[in-house]
Each structure stands twice: as structure tokens, then as C-alpha cells.
Amino acid sequence: MNRYGLIRGLWWPAFVVLVGVNALLANAHILGWGQSWPFYLILAGVLLLAQRAALAAEGYPGAPYAGANSAGPAQPAAAQNTSSAATAETALSPKRHEGFENDVNGGQS
């Protein structure tokens, strides 16, 4: 059985165990039923994250959050073309002009 199937099969047993622990704590007057709802949300979130991680680890192409490129696996940074990104000029990082390194006003008058 694959990891995804194993995690998917643990949903109901995990919630049954949580209900049993919650009943034990409620019977001991430690934690009431009305105060335990965050634990159910936390358990559901952890199980969903585990399922998505298992799908991504198996290389499932439709796995959510598998990478930035949904058409295939993400490329390593060394394989990406960085020549156009290094020379791109944006409003936040304007292109540096030669000869203004030592100018007090930064080349502006």
C-alpha cells in the first residue's frame, strides 16, 4: 500500500481515538466537549498536509502544491535561465550607471 492510501485509511481511526481521548478528559472534568473543537481542526489539518506531502513524494502530477510548475516537476535553480532575470530592470532595483559609485548625490543633481 502506498503512503497516500495509508494516510487516507487513518482518517476515521484517528478521529475515533480523538473522540475517545476527549470522552476520557470530559469524564475527568479536565476538558469539556465544547472546548475541544480546535483539536479536531488540528487533526484534520495535519492529516490533509500528510496526504498532500505523500502525493507530492510519489510524483503525482496533479498533486496540489507540488511545485510552481504544474506541468511537471520543478527545475533546480542551476538549470533555470538566469541571464534575463539578472539584467532585468525594475522600479524597485533600477539599473546602476557607471561612474556614480563615489558620487555623494548618487548621480542626481
N, C-alpha and C. Protein backbone atom coordinates (compact mmCIF):
# COMPACT_ATOMS: atom_id res chain seq x y z
N MET A 1 0.84 -1.17 0.00
CA MET A 1 0.00 0.00 0.00
C MET A 1 0.89 1.24 0.00
N ASN A 2 0.52 2.24 -0.77
CA ASN A 2 1.31 3.46 -0.83
C ASN A 2 1.03 4.36 0.37
N ARG A 3 1.85 5.39 0.54
CA ARG A 3 1.71 6.28 1.70
C ARG A 3 0.38 7.02 1.69
N TYR A 4 -0.05 7.46 0.52
CA TYR A 4 -1.31 8.19 0.43
C TYR A 4 -2.47 7.33 0.90
N GLY A 5 -2.49 6.09 0.45
CA GLY A 5 -3.56 5.19 0.86
C GLY A 5 -3.52 4.89 2.35
N LEU A 6 -2.31 4.80 2.91
CA LEU A 6 -2.18 4.56 4.34
C LEU A 6 -2.71 5.74 5.14
N ILE A 7 -2.35 6.94 4.74
CA ILE A 7 -2.81 8.13 5.46
C ILE A 7 -4.31 8.30 5.29
N ARG A 8 -4.80 8.03 4.09
CA ARG A 8 -6.25 8.14 3.84
C ARG A 8 -7.02 7.13 4.70
N GLY A 9 -6.45 5.97 4.91
CA GLY A 9 -7.10 4.96 5.74
C GLY A 9 -7.04 5.26 7.23
N LEU A 10 -6.21 6.21 7.64
CA LEU A 10 -6.09 6.56 9.06
C LEU A 10 -7.05 7.66 9.50
N TRP A 11 -7.82 8.23 8.58
CA TRP A 11 -8.71 9.33 8.95
C TRP A 11 -9.69 8.94 10.05
N TRP A 12 -10.53 7.95 9.78
CA TRP A 12 -11.57 7.59 10.76
C TRP A 12 -10.99 7.01 12.04
N PRO A 13 -9.99 6.13 11.99
CA PRO A 13 -9.40 5.68 13.26
C PRO A 13 -8.81 6.82 14.09
N ALA A 14 -8.20 7.79 13.45
CA ALA A 14 -7.62 8.92 14.19
C ALA A 14 -8.71 9.74 14.87
N PHE A 15 -9.82 9.95 14.17
CA PHE A 15 -10.92 10.70 14.79
C PHE A 15 -11.60 9.90 15.89
N VAL A 16 -11.70 8.59 15.74
CA VAL A 16 -12.29 7.76 16.81
C VAL A 16 -11.40 7.80 18.05
N VAL A 17 -10.10 7.74 17.87
CA VAL A 17 -9.18 7.83 19.01
C VAL A 17 -9.31 9.21 19.67
N LEU A 18 -9.41 10.26 18.87
CA LEU A 18 -9.56 11.60 19.43
C LEU A 18 -10.87 11.73 20.21
N VAL A 19 -11.94 11.16 19.71
CA VAL A 19 -13.21 11.18 20.45
C VAL A 19 -13.07 10.41 21.76
N GLY A 20 -12.36 9.30 21.76
CA GLY A 20 -12.14 8.53 22.99
C GLY A 20 -11.32 9.30 24.01
N VAL A 21 -10.27 9.97 23.56
CA VAL A 21 -9.46 10.78 24.46
C VAL A 21 -10.28 11.95 24.97
N ASN A 22 -11.08 12.54 24.11
CA ASN A 22 -11.94 13.65 24.51
C ASN A 22 -12.97 13.19 25.54
N ALA A 23 -13.54 12.02 25.36
CA ALA A 23 -14.50 11.48 26.33
C ALA A 23 -13.83 11.22 27.68
N LEU A 24 -12.61 10.71 27.65
CA LEU A 24 -11.88 10.46 28.88
C LEU A 24 -11.59 11.77 29.62
N LEU A 25 -11.16 12.79 28.89
CA LEU A 25 -10.88 14.08 29.50
C LEU A 25 -12.14 14.76 30.00
N ALA A 26 -13.25 14.61 29.28
CA ALA A 26 -14.51 15.20 29.72
C ALA A 26 -15.03 14.49 30.96
N ASN A 27 -14.86 13.18 31.05
CA ASN A 27 -15.30 12.42 32.22
C ASN A 27 -14.47 12.77 33.45
N ALA A 28 -13.21 13.13 33.25
CA ALA A 28 -12.34 13.51 34.36
C ALA A 28 -12.45 15.00 34.67
N HIS A 29 -13.34 15.71 34.00
CA HIS A 29 -13.57 17.15 34.19
C HIS A 29 -12.30 17.97 33.94
N ILE A 30 -11.51 17.54 32.96
CA ILE A 30 -10.30 18.27 32.59
C ILE A 30 -10.57 19.18 31.39
N LEU A 31 -11.23 18.64 30.39
CA LEU A 31 -11.52 19.38 29.16
C LEU A 31 -12.91 19.00 28.69
N GLY A 32 -13.79 19.99 28.56
CA GLY A 32 -15.16 19.72 28.15
C GLY A 32 -15.28 19.52 26.65
N TRP A 33 -16.45 19.01 26.23
CA TRP A 33 -16.70 18.77 24.82
C TRP A 33 -16.72 20.07 24.03
N GLY A 34 -17.24 21.13 24.62
CA GLY A 34 -17.31 22.41 23.92
C GLY A 34 -15.96 23.09 23.76
N GLN A 35 -14.97 22.68 24.53
CA GLN A 35 -13.65 23.30 24.46
C GLN A 35 -12.67 22.50 23.61
N SER A 36 -13.09 21.38 23.08
CA SER A 36 -12.15 20.51 22.37
C SER A 36 -12.23 20.60 20.86
N TRP A 37 -13.07 21.48 20.33
CA TRP A 37 -13.21 21.55 18.88
C TRP A 37 -11.93 21.94 18.15
N PRO A 38 -11.00 22.73 18.73
CA PRO A 38 -9.76 23.02 17.98
C PRO A 38 -8.92 21.77 17.70
N PHE A 39 -9.00 20.77 18.57
CA PHE A 39 -8.22 19.55 18.35
C PHE A 39 -8.69 18.80 17.11
N TYR A 40 -9.99 18.85 16.82
CA TYR A 40 -10.50 18.20 15.62
C TYR A 40 -10.01 18.93 14.36
N LEU A 41 -9.97 20.26 14.42
CA LEU A 41 -9.46 21.02 13.28
C LEU A 41 -7.97 20.78 13.08
N ILE A 42 -7.22 20.71 14.17
CA ILE A 42 -5.78 20.46 14.07
C ILE A 42 -5.52 19.08 13.49
N LEU A 43 -6.27 18.08 13.94
CA LEU A 43 -6.10 16.71 13.41
C LEU A 43 -6.42 16.66 11.92
N ALA A 44 -7.50 17.31 11.51
CA ALA A 44 -7.85 17.33 10.09
C ALA A 44 -6.77 18.02 9.26
N GLY A 45 -6.23 19.13 9.77
CA GLY A 45 -5.17 19.84 9.05
C GLY A 45 -3.90 19.03 8.93
N VAL A 46 -3.52 18.35 9.99
CA VAL A 46 -2.31 17.52 9.95
C VAL A 46 -2.48 16.37 8.97
N LEU A 47 -3.65 15.75 8.97
CA LEU A 47 -3.89 14.64 8.04
C LEU A 47 -3.93 15.12 6.59
N LEU A 48 -4.50 16.29 6.33
CA LEU A 48 -4.51 16.83 4.97
C LEU A 48 -3.10 17.17 4.49
N LEU A 49 -2.29 17.76 5.37
CA LEU A 49 -0.91 18.06 5.00
C LEU A 49 -0.12 16.78 4.72
N ALA A 50 -0.35 15.76 5.52
CA ALA A 50 0.34 14.48 5.30
C ALA A 50 -0.08 13.85 3.97
N GLN A 51 -1.36 13.95 3.63
CA GLN A 51 -1.82 13.41 2.35
C GLN A 51 -1.18 14.14 1.18
N ARG A 52 -1.13 15.46 1.25
CA ARG A 52 -0.55 16.23 0.15
C ARG A 52 0.94 15.98 0.03
N ALA A 53 1.61 15.81 1.16
CA ALA A 53 3.05 15.50 1.12
C ALA A 53 3.29 14.13 0.52
N ALA A 54 2.41 13.17 0.83
CA ALA A 54 2.54 11.83 0.26
C ALA A 54 2.31 11.85 -1.24
N LEU A 55 1.34 12.64 -1.71
CA LEU A 55 1.10 12.75 -3.15
C LEU A 55 2.30 13.39 -3.85
N ALA A 56 2.85 14.43 -3.26
CA ALA A 56 4.00 15.10 -3.87
C ALA A 56 5.22 14.19 -3.87
N ALA A 57 5.40 13.38 -2.84
CA ALA A 57 6.56 12.49 -2.76
C ALA A 57 6.46 11.36 -3.79
N GLU A 58 5.25 10.98 -4.13
CA GLU A 58 5.07 9.91 -5.12
C GLU A 58 5.18 10.43 -6.55
N GLY A 59 5.27 11.74 -6.72
CA GLY A 59 5.41 12.31 -8.05
C GLY A 59 4.11 12.39 -8.81
N TYR A 60 3.00 12.43 -8.12
CA TYR A 60 1.70 12.53 -8.76
C TYR A 60 1.61 13.89 -9.46
N PRO A 61 1.37 13.94 -10.78
CA PRO A 61 1.43 15.21 -11.50
C PRO A 61 0.33 16.19 -11.09
N GLY A 62 -0.79 15.72 -10.59
CA GLY A 62 -1.87 16.62 -10.20
C GLY A 62 -1.86 16.94 -8.73
N ALA A 63 -0.75 16.67 -8.06
CA ALA A 63 -0.67 16.91 -6.62
C ALA A 63 -0.71 18.40 -6.34
N PRO A 64 -1.58 18.83 -5.43
CA PRO A 64 -1.60 20.25 -5.11
C PRO A 64 -0.34 20.65 -4.38
N TYR A 65 0.15 21.83 -4.66
CA TYR A 65 1.35 22.39 -4.05
C TYR A 65 2.59 21.55 -4.35
N ALA A 66 2.62 20.88 -5.49
CA ALA A 66 3.79 20.06 -5.83
C ALA A 66 4.95 20.92 -6.30
N GLY A 67 4.68 22.10 -6.75
CA GLY A 67 5.73 22.98 -7.21
C GLY A 67 5.13 24.15 -7.97
N ALA A 68 5.97 25.07 -8.39
CA ALA A 68 5.47 26.24 -9.09
C ALA A 68 4.99 25.88 -10.49
N ASN A 69 5.60 24.90 -11.12
CA ASN A 69 5.25 24.50 -12.47
C ASN A 69 4.34 23.28 -12.38
N SER A 70 3.06 23.44 -12.68
CA SER A 70 2.14 22.32 -12.55
C SER A 70 2.25 21.33 -13.70
N ALA A 71 2.95 21.71 -14.78
CA ALA A 71 3.08 20.80 -15.92
C ALA A 71 4.10 19.70 -15.66
N GLY A 72 4.97 19.89 -14.70
CA GLY A 72 6.00 18.91 -14.43
C GLY A 72 6.74 19.24 -13.15
N PRO A 73 7.76 18.48 -12.84
CA PRO A 73 8.50 18.76 -11.61
C PRO A 73 9.26 20.07 -11.70
N ALA A 74 9.50 20.67 -10.56
CA ALA A 74 10.22 21.94 -10.51
C ALA A 74 11.67 21.73 -10.91
N GLN A 75 12.23 22.69 -11.64
CA GLN A 75 13.61 22.59 -12.08
C GLN A 75 14.53 23.13 -11.00
N PRO A 76 15.73 22.57 -10.87
CA PRO A 76 16.68 23.13 -9.92
C PRO A 76 17.10 24.54 -10.34
N ALA A 77 17.58 25.32 -9.41
CA ALA A 77 17.94 26.71 -9.69
C ALA A 77 19.07 26.80 -10.70
N ALA A 78 19.98 25.84 -10.72
CA ALA A 78 21.11 25.89 -11.65
C ALA A 78 20.65 25.68 -13.09
N ALA A 79 19.55 24.98 -13.29
CA ALA A 79 19.09 24.67 -14.63
C ALA A 79 18.23 25.78 -15.22
N GLN A 80 17.78 26.73 -14.41
CA GLN A 80 16.93 27.80 -14.90
C GLN A 80 17.78 28.85 -15.60
N ASN A 81 17.18 29.55 -16.54
CA ASN A 81 17.87 30.61 -17.27
C ASN A 81 17.84 31.87 -16.42
N THR A 82 18.99 32.29 -15.93
CA THR A 82 19.07 33.46 -15.07
C THR A 82 19.60 34.68 -15.79
N SER A 83 19.95 34.57 -17.07
CA SER A 83 20.55 35.70 -17.77
C SER A 83 19.55 36.83 -17.94
N SER A 84 18.29 36.56 -18.25
CA SER A 84 17.31 37.62 -18.43
C SER A 84 16.89 38.19 -17.08
N ALA A 85 16.87 37.37 -16.02
CA ALA A 85 16.48 37.86 -14.70
C ALA A 85 17.56 38.76 -14.11
N ALA A 86 18.83 38.51 -14.43
CA ALA A 86 19.92 39.31 -13.87
C ALA A 86 19.99 40.68 -14.52
N THR A 87 19.57 40.80 -15.78
CA THR A 87 19.68 42.08 -16.47
C THR A 87 18.37 42.84 -16.47
N ALA A 88 17.32 42.29 -15.89
CA ALA A 88 16.03 42.96 -15.88
C ALA A 88 16.07 44.18 -14.98
N GLU A 89 15.41 45.24 -15.40
CA GLU A 89 15.36 46.47 -14.64
C GLU A 89 13.95 46.66 -14.11
N THR A 90 13.83 46.89 -12.82
CA THR A 90 12.52 47.10 -12.23
C THR A 90 12.52 48.43 -11.51
N ALA A 91 11.36 48.87 -11.08
CA ALA A 91 11.26 50.13 -10.35
C ALA A 91 11.89 50.02 -8.97
N LEU A 92 11.93 48.83 -8.42
CA LEU A 92 12.50 48.66 -7.09
C LEU A 92 14.01 48.56 -7.12
N SER A 93 14.57 48.08 -8.20
CA SER A 93 16.03 47.99 -8.32
C SER A 93 16.45 48.55 -9.67
N PRO A 94 16.62 49.87 -9.74
CA PRO A 94 16.98 50.48 -11.03
C PRO A 94 18.38 50.09 -11.46
N LYS A 95 18.60 50.20 -12.74
CA LYS A 95 19.89 49.83 -13.32
C LYS A 95 20.96 50.82 -12.85
N ARG A 96 22.10 50.27 -12.42
CA ARG A 96 23.20 51.11 -11.94
C ARG A 96 23.98 51.63 -13.14
N HIS A 97 24.31 52.92 -13.09
CA HIS A 97 25.10 53.53 -14.15
C HIS A 97 26.55 53.59 -13.71
N GLU A 98 27.44 53.48 -14.67
CA GLU A 98 28.87 53.51 -14.38
C GLU A 98 29.30 54.92 -13.97
N GLY A 99 30.20 55.01 -12.99
CA GLY A 99 30.79 56.28 -12.60
C GLY A 99 30.10 56.99 -11.46
N PHE A 100 28.99 56.46 -10.92
CA PHE A 100 28.28 57.12 -9.84
C PHE A 100 28.50 56.46 -8.48
N GLU A 101 29.46 55.55 -8.37
CA GLU A 101 29.67 54.86 -7.11
C GLU A 101 30.12 55.80 -6.00
N ASN A 102 31.00 56.77 -6.33
CA ASN A 102 31.57 57.67 -5.32
C ASN A 102 30.86 59.02 -5.27
N ASP A 103 29.84 59.22 -6.07
CA ASP A 103 29.12 60.49 -6.09
C ASP A 103 28.24 60.59 -4.86
N VAL A 104 28.28 61.74 -4.16
CA VAL A 104 27.52 61.93 -2.93
C VAL A 104 26.03 61.95 -3.21
N ASN A 105 25.61 62.55 -4.31
CA ASN A 105 24.20 62.66 -4.65
C ASN A 105 23.68 61.46 -5.42
N GLY A 106 24.49 60.49 -5.70
CA GLY A 106 24.06 59.31 -6.44
C GLY A 106 23.79 59.59 -7.90
N GLY A 107 24.44 60.63 -8.46
CA GLY A 107 24.27 60.94 -9.86
C GLY A 107 23.10 61.84 -10.14
N GLN A 108 22.42 62.32 -9.11
CA GLN A 108 21.28 63.21 -9.30
C GLN A 108 21.69 64.61 -8.89
N SER A 109 21.22 65.60 -9.61
CA SER A 109 21.59 66.98 -9.26
C SER A 109 20.41 67.76 -8.75
